[in-house]
Amino acid sequence: MHEIDVQVIKENNTYLKMWMPLDYAQSFMIMNEIETSIKWLEVFYDNIKNYKSMRIHSTIKRHLAQLDNLGYANLAVVKNFKNLCYETNKDSIIE
Protein backbone atom coordinates (compact mmCIF):
# COMPACT_ATOMS: atom_id res chain seq x y z
CA MET A 1 0.00 0.00 0.00
CA HIS A 2 2.84 2.38 0.77
CA GLU A 3 4.11 2.34 -2.83
CA ILE A 4 0.65 3.24 -4.10
CA ASP A 5 0.33 6.08 -1.62
CA VAL A 6 3.73 7.47 -2.67
CA GLN A 7 2.75 7.33 -6.33
CA VAL A 8 -0.60 9.03 -5.64
CA ILE A 9 1.20 11.88 -3.89
CA LYS A 10 3.84 12.08 -6.63
CA GLU A 11 1.16 12.38 -9.34
CA ASN A 12 -1.17 14.50 -7.19
CA ASN A 13 -3.91 12.08 -8.24
CA THR A 14 -6.84 13.23 -6.10
CA TYR A 15 -9.30 10.88 -7.81
CA LEU A 16 -7.22 7.84 -6.94
CA LYS A 17 -6.54 9.18 -3.46
CA MET A 18 -10.28 9.51 -2.89
CA TRP A 19 -11.23 6.05 -4.17
CA MET A 20 -8.31 3.85 -3.01
CA PRO A 21 -9.68 3.42 0.53
CA LEU A 22 -12.77 1.75 -0.94
CA ASP A 23 -10.54 -0.71 -2.78
CA TYR A 24 -8.67 -1.39 0.47
CA ALA A 25 -11.98 -1.87 2.31
CA GLN A 26 -13.15 -4.37 -0.29
CA SER A 27 -9.85 -6.25 -0.18
CA PHE A 28 -9.95 -6.60 3.58
CA MET A 29 -13.58 -7.71 3.41
CA ILE A 30 -12.56 -10.50 1.02
CA MET A 31 -9.93 -11.57 3.56
CA ASN A 32 -12.60 -11.56 6.32
CA GLU A 33 -10.78 -8.78 8.16
CA ILE A 34 -13.98 -6.88 8.81
CA GLU A 35 -12.72 -4.37 11.37
CA THR A 36 -9.92 -3.29 9.03
CA SER A 37 -12.40 -3.19 6.16
CA ILE A 38 -14.63 -0.83 8.14
CA LYS A 39 -11.65 1.36 9.06
CA TRP A 40 -10.87 1.82 5.36
CA LEU A 41 -14.55 2.34 4.60
CA GLU A 42 -14.52 5.15 7.18
CA VAL A 43 -11.57 6.75 5.37
CA PHE A 44 -13.46 6.48 2.09
CA TYR A 45 -16.56 7.94 3.74
CA ASP A 46 -14.53 10.89 5.02
CA ASN A 47 -13.34 11.47 1.46
CA ILE A 48 -16.84 11.50 -0.05
CA LYS A 49 -19.14 12.72 2.71
CA ASN A 50 -19.36 16.24 1.32
CA TYR A 51 -20.42 15.04 -2.12
CA LYS A 52 -24.18 15.00 -2.47
CA SER A 53 -24.31 12.27 -5.09
CA MET A 54 -26.30 9.09 -4.62
CA ARG A 55 -24.02 7.37 -7.13
CA ILE A 56 -20.97 7.94 -4.95
CA HIS A 57 -22.71 7.12 -1.68
CA SER A 58 -24.26 3.97 -3.12
CA THR A 59 -20.80 2.38 -3.13
CA ILE A 60 -20.89 2.42 0.67
CA LYS A 61 -24.38 0.93 0.70
CA ARG A 62 -23.21 -1.87 -1.61
CA HIS A 63 -20.22 -2.59 0.61
CA LEU A 64 -22.44 -2.73 3.69
CA ALA A 65 -24.91 -4.99 1.88
CA GLN A 66 -22.06 -7.37 1.06
CA LEU A 67 -21.07 -7.41 4.73
CA ASP A 68 -24.68 -8.17 5.65
CA ASN A 69 -24.78 -11.01 3.11
CA LEU A 70 -21.57 -12.44 4.56
CA GLY A 71 -23.18 -12.54 8.01
CA TYR A 72 -21.49 -9.54 9.61
CA ALA A 73 -24.58 -7.33 10.03
CA ASN A 74 -24.61 -7.76 13.81
CA LEU A 75 -20.92 -7.08 14.31
CA ALA A 76 -20.57 -3.98 16.51
CA VAL A 77 -18.12 -2.21 14.20
CA VAL A 78 -20.50 -2.67 11.25
CA LYS A 79 -23.51 -1.45 13.24
CA ASN A 80 -21.59 1.59 14.48
CA PHE A 81 -20.50 2.55 10.97
CA LYS A 82 -24.05 2.14 9.64
CA ASN A 83 -25.38 4.40 12.38
CA LEU A 84 -22.73 7.02 11.65
CA CYS A 85 -23.22 6.89 7.92
CA TYR A 86 -27.02 6.86 7.84
CA GLU A 87 -27.50 9.48 10.54
CA THR A 88 -25.05 11.88 8.92
CA ASN A 89 -26.55 11.50 5.45
CA LYS A 90 -30.21 11.50 6.37
CA ASP A 91 -31.99 13.53 3.67
CA SER A 92 -28.76 15.13 2.46
CA ILE A 93 -28.02 13.07 -0.65
CA ILE A 94 -29.50 13.83 -4.05
CA GLU A 95 -29.98 11.47 -6.99
PDB file of N, CA and C in Angstrom:
ATOM      1  N   MET A   1       0.821  -1.192   0.000  1.00  0.00           N
ATOM      2  CA  MET A   1       0.000   0.000   0.000  1.00  0.00           C
ATOM      3  C   MET A   1       0.866   1.257   0.000  1.00  0.00           C
ATOM      4  N   HIS A   2       1.991   1.193   0.662  1.00  0.00           N
ATOM      5  CA  HIS A   2       2.841   2.377   0.773  1.00  0.00           C
ATOM      6  C   HIS A   2       3.281   2.872  -0.604  1.00  0.00           C
ATOM      7  N   GLU A   3       3.660   1.956  -1.499  1.00  0.00           N
ATOM      8  CA  GLU A   3       4.108   2.342  -2.831  1.00  0.00           C
ATOM      9  C   GLU A   3       3.005   3.069  -3.588  1.00  0.00           C
ATOM     10  N   ILE A   4       1.794   2.600  -3.439  1.00  0.00           N
ATOM     11  CA  ILE A   4       0.648   3.237  -4.105  1.00  0.00           C
ATOM     12  C   ILE A   4       0.449   4.644  -3.561  1.00  0.00           C
ATOM     13  N   ASP A   5       0.503   4.773  -2.243  1.00  0.00           N
ATOM     14  CA  ASP A   5       0.325   6.085  -1.620  1.00  0.00           C
ATOM     15  C   ASP A   5       1.394   7.070  -2.091  1.00  0.00           C
ATOM     16  N   VAL A   6       2.638   6.612  -2.189  1.00  0.00           N
ATOM     17  CA  VAL A   6       3.734   7.466  -2.667  1.00  0.00           C
ATOM     18  C   VAL A   6       3.466   7.919  -4.095  1.00  0.00           C
ATOM     19  N   GLN A   7       3.018   6.988  -4.936  1.00  0.00           N
ATOM     20  CA  GLN A   7       2.750   7.326  -6.333  1.00  0.00           C
ATOM     21  C   GLN A   7       1.584   8.306  -6.444  1.00  0.00           C
ATOM     22  N   VAL A   8       0.553   8.124  -5.633  1.00  0.00           N
ATOM     23  CA  VAL A   8      -0.596   9.033  -5.645  1.00  0.00           C
ATOM     24  C   VAL A   8      -0.146  10.446  -5.300  1.00  0.00           C
ATOM     25  N   ILE A   9       0.696  10.566  -4.294  1.00  0.00           N
ATOM     26  CA  ILE A   9       1.202  11.882  -3.893  1.00  0.00           C
ATOM     27  C   ILE A   9       2.081  12.471  -4.998  1.00  0.00           C
ATOM     28  N   LYS A  10       2.928  11.635  -5.563  1.00  0.00           N
ATOM     29  CA  LYS A  10       3.837  12.084  -6.630  1.00  0.00           C
ATOM     30  C   LYS A  10       3.057  12.636  -7.819  1.00  0.00           C
ATOM     31  N   GLU A  11       1.967  11.967  -8.184  1.00  0.00           N
ATOM     32  CA  GLU A  11       1.158  12.382  -9.336  1.00  0.00           C
ATOM     33  C   GLU A  11       0.072  13.391  -8.972  1.00  0.00           C
ATOM     34  N   ASN A  12      -0.091  13.637  -7.677  1.00  0.00           N
ATOM     35  CA  ASN A  12      -1.170  14.498  -7.189  1.00  0.00           C
ATOM     36  C   ASN A  12      -2.515  14.022  -7.758  1.00  0.00           C
ATOM     37  N   ASN A  13      -2.733  12.711  -7.675  1.00  0.00           N
ATOM     38  CA  ASN A  13      -3.915  12.080  -8.241  1.00  0.00           C
ATOM     39  C   ASN A  13      -5.026  12.062  -7.186  1.00  0.00           C
ATOM     40  N   THR A  14      -5.809  13.120  -7.132  1.00  0.00           N
ATOM     41  CA  THR A  14      -6.841  13.234  -6.101  1.00  0.00           C
ATOM     42  C   THR A  14      -7.960  12.217  -6.299  1.00  0.00           C
ATOM     43  N   TYR A  15      -8.254  11.871  -7.541  1.00  0.00           N
ATOM     44  CA  TYR A  15      -9.299  10.880  -7.809  1.00  0.00           C
ATOM     45  C   TYR A  15      -8.905   9.531  -7.201  1.00  0.00           C
ATOM     46  N   LEU A  16      -7.692   9.112  -7.477  1.00  0.00           N
ATOM     47  CA  LEU A  16      -7.216   7.837  -6.942  1.00  0.00           C
ATOM     48  C   LEU A  16      -7.115   7.894  -5.422  1.00  0.00           C
ATOM     49  N   LYS A  17      -6.639   9.014  -4.908  1.00  0.00           N
ATOM     50  CA  LYS A  17      -6.535   9.178  -3.458  1.00  0.00           C
ATOM     51  C   LYS A  17      -7.903   9.055  -2.792  1.00  0.00           C
ATOM     52  N   MET A  18      -8.928   9.572  -3.442  1.00  0.00           N
ATOM     53  CA  MET A  18     -10.278   9.514  -2.887  1.00  0.00           C
ATOM     54  C   MET A  18     -10.839   8.094  -2.906  1.00  0.00           C
ATOM     55  N   TRP A  19     -10.594   7.351  -3.985  1.00  0.00           N
ATOM     56  CA  TRP A  19     -11.232   6.048  -4.171  1.00  0.00           C
ATOM     57  C   TRP A  19     -10.422   4.857  -3.662  1.00  0.00           C
ATOM     58  N   MET A  20      -9.126   4.975  -3.461  1.00  0.00           N
ATOM     59  CA  MET A  20      -8.310   3.845  -3.010  1.00  0.00           C
ATOM     60  C   MET A  20      -8.784   3.242  -1.684  1.00  0.00           C
ATOM     61  N   PRO A  21      -9.209   4.039  -0.720  1.00  0.00           N
ATOM     62  CA  PRO A  21      -9.681   3.424   0.525  1.00  0.00           C
ATOM     63  C   PRO A  21     -10.837   2.438   0.327  1.00  0.00           C
ATOM     64  N   LEU A  22     -11.689   2.697  -0.662  1.00  0.00           N
ATOM     65  CA  LEU A  22     -12.774   1.751  -0.941  1.00  0.00           C
ATOM     66  C   LEU A  22     -12.198   0.433  -1.450  1.00  0.00           C
ATOM     67  N   ASP A  23     -11.195   0.513  -2.298  1.00  0.00           N
ATOM     68  CA  ASP A  23     -10.536  -0.715  -2.776  1.00  0.00           C
ATOM     69  C   ASP A  23      -9.900  -1.476  -1.626  1.00  0.00           C
ATOM     70  N   TYR A  24      -9.260  -0.739  -0.708  1.00  0.00           N
ATOM     71  CA  TYR A  24      -8.674  -1.386   0.465  1.00  0.00           C
ATOM     72  C   TYR A  24      -9.769  -2.044   1.308  1.00  0.00           C
ATOM     73  N   ALA A  25     -10.868  -1.330   1.506  1.00  0.00           N
ATOM     74  CA  ALA A  25     -11.978  -1.873   2.308  1.00  0.00           C
ATOM     75  C   ALA A  25     -12.505  -3.163   1.691  1.00  0.00           C
ATOM     76  N   GLN A  26     -12.644  -3.179   0.379  1.00  0.00           N
ATOM     77  CA  GLN A  26     -13.147  -4.373  -0.288  1.00  0.00           C
ATOM     78  C   GLN A  26     -12.147  -5.522  -0.183  1.00  0.00           C
ATOM     79  N   SER A  27     -10.870  -5.213  -0.295  1.00  0.00           N
ATOM     80  CA  SER A  27      -9.846  -6.250  -0.183  1.00  0.00           C
ATOM     81  C   SER A  27      -9.853  -6.882   1.199  1.00  0.00           C
ATOM     82  N   PHE A  28      -9.937  -6.057   2.224  1.00  0.00           N
ATOM     83  CA  PHE A  28      -9.947  -6.597   3.583  1.00  0.00           C
ATOM     84  C   PHE A  28     -11.228  -7.371   3.866  1.00  0.00           C
ATOM     85  N   MET A  29     -12.327  -6.963   3.249  1.00  0.00           N
ATOM     86  CA  MET A  29     -13.578  -7.711   3.410  1.00  0.00           C
ATOM     87  C   MET A  29     -13.410  -9.115   2.822  1.00  0.00           C
ATOM     88  N   ILE A  30     -12.792  -9.209   1.667  1.00  0.00           N
ATOM     89  CA  ILE A  30     -12.565 -10.502   1.020  1.00  0.00           C
ATOM     90  C   ILE A  30     -11.713 -11.412   1.910  1.00  0.00           C
ATOM     91  N   MET A  31     -10.801 -10.807   2.672  1.00  0.00           N
ATOM     92  CA  MET A  31      -9.932 -11.574   3.562  1.00  0.00           C
ATOM     93  C   MET A  31     -10.578 -11.792   4.934  1.00  0.00           C
ATOM     94  N   ASN A  32     -11.853 -11.422   5.060  1.00  0.00           N
ATOM     95  CA  ASN A  32     -12.602 -11.555   6.316  1.00  0.00           C
ATOM     96  C   ASN A  32     -11.989 -10.767   7.470  1.00  0.00           C
ATOM     97  N   GLU A  33     -11.309  -9.692   7.156  1.00  0.00           N
ATOM     98  CA  GLU A  33     -10.778  -8.777   8.165  1.00  0.00           C
ATOM     99  C   GLU A  33     -11.731  -7.581   8.232  1.00  0.00           C
ATOM    100  N   ILE A  34     -12.853  -7.813   8.886  1.00  0.00           N
ATOM    101  CA  ILE A  34     -13.976  -6.876   8.815  1.00  0.00           C
ATOM    102  C   ILE A  34     -13.671  -5.565   9.529  1.00  0.00           C
ATOM    103  N   GLU A  35     -13.029  -5.617  10.670  1.00  0.00           N
ATOM    104  CA  GLU A  35     -12.716  -4.369  11.370  1.00  0.00           C
ATOM    105  C   GLU A  35     -11.796  -3.477  10.540  1.00  0.00           C
ATOM    106  N   THR A  36     -10.819  -4.067   9.889  1.00  0.00           N
ATOM    107  CA  THR A  36      -9.924  -3.294   9.027  1.00  0.00           C
ATOM    108  C   THR A  36     -10.682  -2.794   7.808  1.00  0.00           C
ATOM    109  N   SER A  37     -11.568  -3.607   7.287  1.00  0.00           N
ATOM    110  CA  SER A  37     -12.402  -3.190   6.160  1.00  0.00           C
ATOM    111  C   SER A  37     -13.220  -1.950   6.519  1.00  0.00           C
ATOM    112  N   ILE A  38     -13.816  -1.970   7.697  1.00  0.00           N
ATOM    113  CA  ILE A  38     -14.626  -0.834   8.137  1.00  0.00           C
ATOM    114  C   ILE A  38     -13.748   0.403   8.363  1.00  0.00           C
ATOM    115  N   LYS A  39     -12.553   0.216   8.875  1.00  0.00           N
ATOM    116  CA  LYS A  39     -11.651   1.359   9.060  1.00  0.00           C
ATOM    117  C   LYS A  39     -11.361   2.046   7.731  1.00  0.00           C
ATOM    118  N   TRP A  40     -11.110   1.247   6.691  1.00  0.00           N
ATOM    119  CA  TRP A  40     -10.866   1.825   5.364  1.00  0.00           C
ATOM    120  C   TRP A  40     -12.145   2.411   4.781  1.00  0.00           C
ATOM    121  N   LEU A  41     -13.275   1.797   5.073  1.00  0.00           N
ATOM    122  CA  LEU A  41     -14.552   2.344   4.605  1.00  0.00           C
ATOM    123  C   LEU A  41     -14.804   3.701   5.252  1.00  0.00           C
ATOM    124  N   GLU A  42     -14.400   3.856   6.500  1.00  0.00           N
ATOM    125  CA  GLU A  42     -14.519   5.151   7.177  1.00  0.00           C
ATOM    126  C   GLU A  42     -13.648   6.210   6.500  1.00  0.00           C
ATOM    127  N   VAL A  43     -12.443   5.816   6.088  1.00  0.00           N
ATOM    128  CA  VAL A  43     -11.570   6.750   5.370  1.00  0.00           C
ATOM    129  C   VAL A  43     -12.231   7.155   4.053  1.00  0.00           C
ATOM    130  N   PHE A  44     -12.771   6.177   3.334  1.00  0.00           N
ATOM    131  CA  PHE A  44     -13.465   6.482   2.086  1.00  0.00           C
ATOM    132  C   PHE A  44     -14.652   7.410   2.348  1.00  0.00           C
ATOM    133  N   TYR A  45     -15.413   7.108   3.382  1.00  0.00           N
ATOM    134  CA  TYR A  45     -16.561   7.943   3.736  1.00  0.00           C
ATOM    135  C   TYR A  45     -16.126   9.376   4.026  1.00  0.00           C
ATOM    136  N   ASP A  46     -15.041   9.539   4.754  1.00  0.00           N
ATOM    137  CA  ASP A  46     -14.531  10.887   5.023  1.00  0.00           C
ATOM    138  C   ASP A  46     -14.180  11.618   3.728  1.00  0.00           C
ATOM    139  N   ASN A  47     -13.698  10.872   2.742  1.00  0.00           N
ATOM    140  CA  ASN A  47     -13.344  11.471   1.459  1.00  0.00           C
ATOM    141  C   ASN A  47     -14.566  11.924   0.662  1.00  0.00           C
ATOM    142  N   ILE A  48     -15.684  11.222   0.819  1.00  0.00           N
ATOM    143  CA  ILE A  48     -16.841  11.501  -0.047  1.00  0.00           C
ATOM    144  C   ILE A  48     -18.012  12.161   0.661  1.00  0.00           C
ATOM    145  N   LYS A  49     -17.956  12.301   1.967  1.00  0.00           N
ATOM    146  CA  LYS A  49     -19.143  12.722   2.710  1.00  0.00           C
ATOM    147  C   LYS A  49     -19.685  14.081   2.295  1.00  0.00           C
ATOM    148  N   ASN A  50     -18.873  14.931   1.737  1.00  0.00           N
ATOM    149  CA  ASN A  50     -19.362  16.245   1.321  1.00  0.00           C
ATOM    150  C   ASN A  50     -19.939  16.263  -0.089  1.00  0.00           C
ATOM    151  N   TYR A  51     -19.820  15.152  -0.796  1.00  0.00           N
ATOM    152  CA  TYR A  51     -20.416  15.039  -2.120  1.00  0.00           C
ATOM    153  C   TYR A  51     -21.868  14.611  -1.955  1.00  0.00           C
ATOM    154  N   LYS A  52     -22.760  15.287  -2.625  1.00  0.00           N
ATOM    155  CA  LYS A  52     -24.182  14.997  -2.474  1.00  0.00           C
ATOM    156  C   LYS A  52     -24.681  14.185  -3.669  1.00  0.00           C
ATOM    157  N   SER A  53     -23.986  13.117  -3.949  1.00  0.00           N
ATOM    158  CA  SER A  53     -24.307  12.267  -5.089  1.00  0.00           C
ATOM    159  C   SER A  53     -24.677  10.865  -4.616  1.00  0.00           C
ATOM    160  N   MET A  54     -25.868  10.434  -4.973  1.00  0.00           N
ATOM    161  CA  MET A  54     -26.304   9.094  -4.621  1.00  0.00           C
ATOM    162  C   MET A  54     -25.392   8.047  -5.256  1.00  0.00           C
ATOM    163  N   ARG A  55     -24.893   8.330  -6.441  1.00  0.00           N
ATOM    164  CA  ARG A  55     -24.021   7.374  -7.132  1.00  0.00           C
ATOM    165  C   ARG A  55     -22.762   7.097  -6.311  1.00  0.00           C
ATOM    166  N   ILE A  56     -22.174   8.126  -5.757  1.00  0.00           N
ATOM    167  CA  ILE A  56     -20.972   7.938  -4.950  1.00  0.00           C
ATOM    168  C   ILE A  56     -21.314   7.232  -3.642  1.00  0.00           C
ATOM    169  N   HIS A  57     -22.358   7.689  -2.973  1.00  0.00           N
ATOM    170  CA  HIS A  57     -22.710   7.118  -1.679  1.00  0.00           C
ATOM    171  C   HIS A  57     -23.250   5.690  -1.794  1.00  0.00           C
ATOM    172  N   SER A  58     -23.746   5.329  -2.955  1.00  0.00           N
ATOM    173  CA  SER A  58     -24.260   3.967  -3.125  1.00  0.00           C
ATOM    174  C   SER A  58     -23.147   2.931  -3.025  1.00  0.00           C
ATOM    175  N   THR A  59     -21.911   3.331  -3.265  1.00  0.00           N
ATOM    176  CA  THR A  59     -20.802   2.378  -3.127  1.00  0.00           C
ATOM    177  C   THR A  59     -20.668   1.915  -1.683  1.00  0.00           C
ATOM    178  N   ILE A  60     -20.932   2.800  -0.746  1.00  0.00           N
ATOM    179  CA  ILE A  60     -20.887   2.419   0.668  1.00  0.00           C
ATOM    180  C   ILE A  60     -22.047   1.481   0.983  1.00  0.00           C
ATOM    181  N   LYS A  61     -23.220   1.791   0.457  1.00  0.00           N
ATOM    182  CA  LYS A  61     -24.378   0.928   0.699  1.00  0.00           C
ATOM    183  C   LYS A  61     -24.137  -0.470   0.147  1.00  0.00           C
ATOM    184  N   ARG A  62     -23.515  -0.559  -1.024  1.00  0.00           N
ATOM    185  CA  ARG A  62     -23.212  -1.872  -1.612  1.00  0.00           C
ATOM    186  C   ARG A  62     -22.216  -2.637  -0.747  1.00  0.00           C
ATOM    187  N   HIS A  63     -21.218  -1.943  -0.247  1.00  0.00           N
ATOM    188  CA  HIS A  63     -20.222  -2.594   0.609  1.00  0.00           C
ATOM    189  C   HIS A  63     -20.887  -3.120   1.879  1.00  0.00           C
ATOM    190  N   LEU A  64     -21.735  -2.312   2.483  1.00  0.00           N
ATOM    191  CA  LEU A  64     -22.442  -2.733   3.692  1.00  0.00           C
ATOM    192  C   LEU A  64     -23.395  -3.893   3.405  1.00  0.00           C
ATOM    193  N   ALA A  65     -24.028  -3.881   2.254  1.00  0.00           N
ATOM    194  CA  ALA A  65     -24.914  -4.990   1.878  1.00  0.00           C
ATOM    195  C   ALA A  65     -24.116  -6.285   1.729  1.00  0.00           C
ATOM    196  N   GLN A  66     -22.914  -6.184   1.171  1.00  0.00           N
ATOM    197  CA  GLN A  66     -22.055  -7.365   1.059  1.00  0.00           C
ATOM    198  C   GLN A  66     -21.690  -7.897   2.444  1.00  0.00           C
ATOM    199  N   LEU A  67     -21.371  -6.980   3.356  1.00  0.00           N
ATOM    200  CA  LEU A  67     -21.066  -7.412   4.727  1.00  0.00           C
ATOM    201  C   LEU A  67     -22.263  -8.098   5.362  1.00  0.00           C
ATOM    202  N   ASP A  68     -23.452  -7.549   5.134  1.00  0.00           N
ATOM    203  CA  ASP A  68     -24.676  -8.171   5.654  1.00  0.00           C
ATOM    204  C   ASP A  68     -24.834  -9.578   5.082  1.00  0.00           C
ATOM    205  N   ASN A  69     -24.634  -9.710   3.770  1.00  0.00           N
ATOM    206  CA  ASN A  69     -24.783 -11.013   3.108  1.00  0.00           C
ATOM    207  C   ASN A  69     -23.758 -12.031   3.594  1.00  0.00           C
ATOM    208  N   LEU A  70     -22.613 -11.543   4.034  1.00  0.00           N
ATOM    209  CA  LEU A  70     -21.572 -12.435   4.557  1.00  0.00           C
ATOM    210  C   LEU A  70     -21.806 -12.795   6.024  1.00  0.00           C
ATOM    211  N   GLY A  71     -22.834 -12.210   6.629  1.00  0.00           N
ATOM    212  CA  GLY A  71     -23.181 -12.543   8.006  1.00  0.00           C
ATOM    213  C   GLY A  71     -22.593 -11.623   9.064  1.00  0.00           C
ATOM    214  N   TYR A  72     -22.127 -10.459   8.661  1.00  0.00           N
ATOM    215  CA  TYR A  72     -21.494  -9.541   9.607  1.00  0.00           C
ATOM    216  C   TYR A  72     -22.393  -8.384  10.035  1.00  0.00           C
ATOM    217  N   ALA A  73     -23.665  -8.446   9.734  1.00  0.00           N
ATOM    218  CA  ALA A  73     -24.583  -7.334  10.028  1.00  0.00           C
ATOM    219  C   ALA A  73     -24.648  -7.002  11.508  1.00  0.00           C
ATOM    220  N   ASN A  74     -24.489  -7.988  12.374  1.00  0.00           N
ATOM    221  CA  ASN A  74     -24.611  -7.757  13.811  1.00  0.00           C
ATOM    222  C   ASN A  74     -23.283  -7.468  14.503  1.00  0.00           C
ATOM    223  N   LEU A  75     -22.219  -7.410  13.735  1.00  0.00           N
ATOM    224  CA  LEU A  75     -20.923  -7.077  14.308  1.00  0.00           C
ATOM    225  C   LEU A  75     -20.949  -5.607  14.744  1.00  0.00           C
ATOM    226  N   ALA A  76     -20.477  -5.329  15.943  1.00  0.00           N
ATOM    227  CA  ALA A  76     -20.571  -3.976  16.514  1.00  0.00           C
ATOM    228  C   ALA A  76     -19.951  -2.911  15.617  1.00  0.00           C
ATOM    229  N   VAL A  77     -18.792  -3.198  15.045  1.00  0.00           N
ATOM    230  CA  VAL A  77     -18.123  -2.207  14.201  1.00  0.00           C
ATOM    231  C   VAL A  77     -18.956  -1.891  12.953  1.00  0.00           C
ATOM    232  N   VAL A  78     -19.637  -2.878  12.418  1.00  0.00           N
ATOM    233  CA  VAL A  78     -20.501  -2.669  11.252  1.00  0.00           C
ATOM    234  C   VAL A  78     -21.720  -1.844  11.650  1.00  0.00           C
ATOM    235  N   LYS A  79     -22.347  -2.207  12.753  1.00  0.00           N
ATOM    236  CA  LYS A  79     -23.507  -1.449  13.236  1.00  0.00           C
ATOM    237  C   LYS A  79     -23.146   0.007  13.514  1.00  0.00           C
ATOM    238  N   ASN A  80     -22.015   0.225  14.156  1.00  0.00           N
ATOM    239  CA  ASN A  80     -21.594   1.589  14.480  1.00  0.00           C
ATOM    240  C   ASN A  80     -21.367   2.424  13.222  1.00  0.00           C
ATOM    241  N   PHE A  81     -20.734   1.811  12.215  1.00  0.00           N
ATOM    242  CA  PHE A  81     -20.505   2.547  10.974  1.00  0.00           C
ATOM    243  C   PHE A  81     -21.829   2.860  10.285  1.00  0.00           C
ATOM    244  N   LYS A  82     -22.734   1.900  10.257  1.00  0.00           N
ATOM    245  CA  LYS A  82     -24.047   2.144   9.642  1.00  0.00           C
ATOM    246  C   LYS A  82     -24.749   3.303  10.325  1.00  0.00           C
ATOM    247  N   ASN A  83     -24.731   3.316  11.646  1.00  0.00           N
ATOM    248  CA  ASN A  83     -25.376   4.402  12.381  1.00  0.00           C
ATOM    249  C   ASN A  83     -24.745   5.744  12.043  1.00  0.00           C
ATOM    250  N   LEU A  84     -23.429   5.794  12.003  1.00  0.00           N
ATOM    251  CA  LEU A  84     -22.727   7.020  11.653  1.00  0.00           C
ATOM    252  C   LEU A  84     -23.083   7.475  10.247  1.00  0.00           C
ATOM    253  N   CYS A  85     -23.007   6.571   9.330  1.00  0.00           N
ATOM    254  CA  CYS A  85     -23.224   6.889   7.917  1.00  0.00           C
ATOM    255  C   CYS A  85     -24.659   7.312   7.648  1.00  0.00           C
ATOM    256  N   TYR A  86     -25.622   6.565   8.142  1.00  0.00           N
ATOM    257  CA  TYR A  86     -27.019   6.858   7.838  1.00  0.00           C
ATOM    258  C   TYR A  86     -27.536   8.068   8.589  1.00  0.00           C
ATOM    259  N   GLU A  87     -27.069   8.302   9.796  1.00  0.00           N
ATOM    260  CA  GLU A  87     -27.504   9.485  10.539  1.00  0.00           C
ATOM    261  C   GLU A  87     -26.946  10.751   9.921  1.00  0.00           C
ATOM    262  N   THR A  88     -25.688  10.713   9.507  1.00  0.00           N
ATOM    263  CA  THR A  88     -25.045  11.876   8.922  1.00  0.00           C
ATOM    264  C   THR A  88     -25.676  12.243   7.584  1.00  0.00           C
ATOM    265  N   ASN A  89     -26.063  11.249   6.808  1.00  0.00           N
ATOM    266  CA  ASN A  89     -26.549  11.500   5.452  1.00  0.00           C
ATOM    267  C   ASN A  89     -28.063  11.550   5.331  1.00  0.00           C
ATOM    268  N   LYS A  90     -28.753  11.489   6.413  1.00  0.00           N
ATOM    269  CA  LYS A  90     -30.208  11.500   6.374  1.00  0.00           C
ATOM    270  C   LYS A  90     -30.704  12.720   5.610  1.00  0.00           C
ATOM    271  N   ASP A  91     -31.386  12.481   4.507  1.00  0.00           N
ATOM    272  CA  ASP A  91     -31.988  13.526   3.670  1.00  0.00           C
ATOM    273  C   ASP A  91     -30.991  14.517   3.077  1.00  0.00           C
ATOM    274  N   SER A  92     -29.730  14.170   2.996  1.00  0.00           N
ATOM    275  CA  SER A  92     -28.763  15.127   2.460  1.00  0.00           C
ATOM    276  C   SER A  92     -28.164  14.709   1.120  1.00  0.00           C
ATOM    277  N   ILE A  93     -28.580  13.563   0.604  1.00  0.00           N
ATOM    278  CA  ILE A  93     -28.016  13.072  -0.648  1.00  0.00           C
ATOM    279  C   ILE A  93     -29.052  13.204  -1.749  1.00  0.00           C
ATOM    280  N   ILE A  94     -28.596  13.687  -2.912  1.00  0.00           N
ATOM    281  CA  ILE A  94     -29.496  13.832  -4.054  1.00  0.00           C
ATOM    282  C   ILE A  94     -29.192  12.754  -5.082  1.00  0.00           C
ATOM    283  N   GLU A  95     -30.150  12.476  -5.925  1.00  0.00           N
ATOM    284  CA  GLU A  95     -29.980  11.475  -6.987  1.00  0.00           C
ATOM    285  C   GLU A  95     -29.087  11.997  -8.081  1.00  0.00           C
TER     286      GLU A  95
END
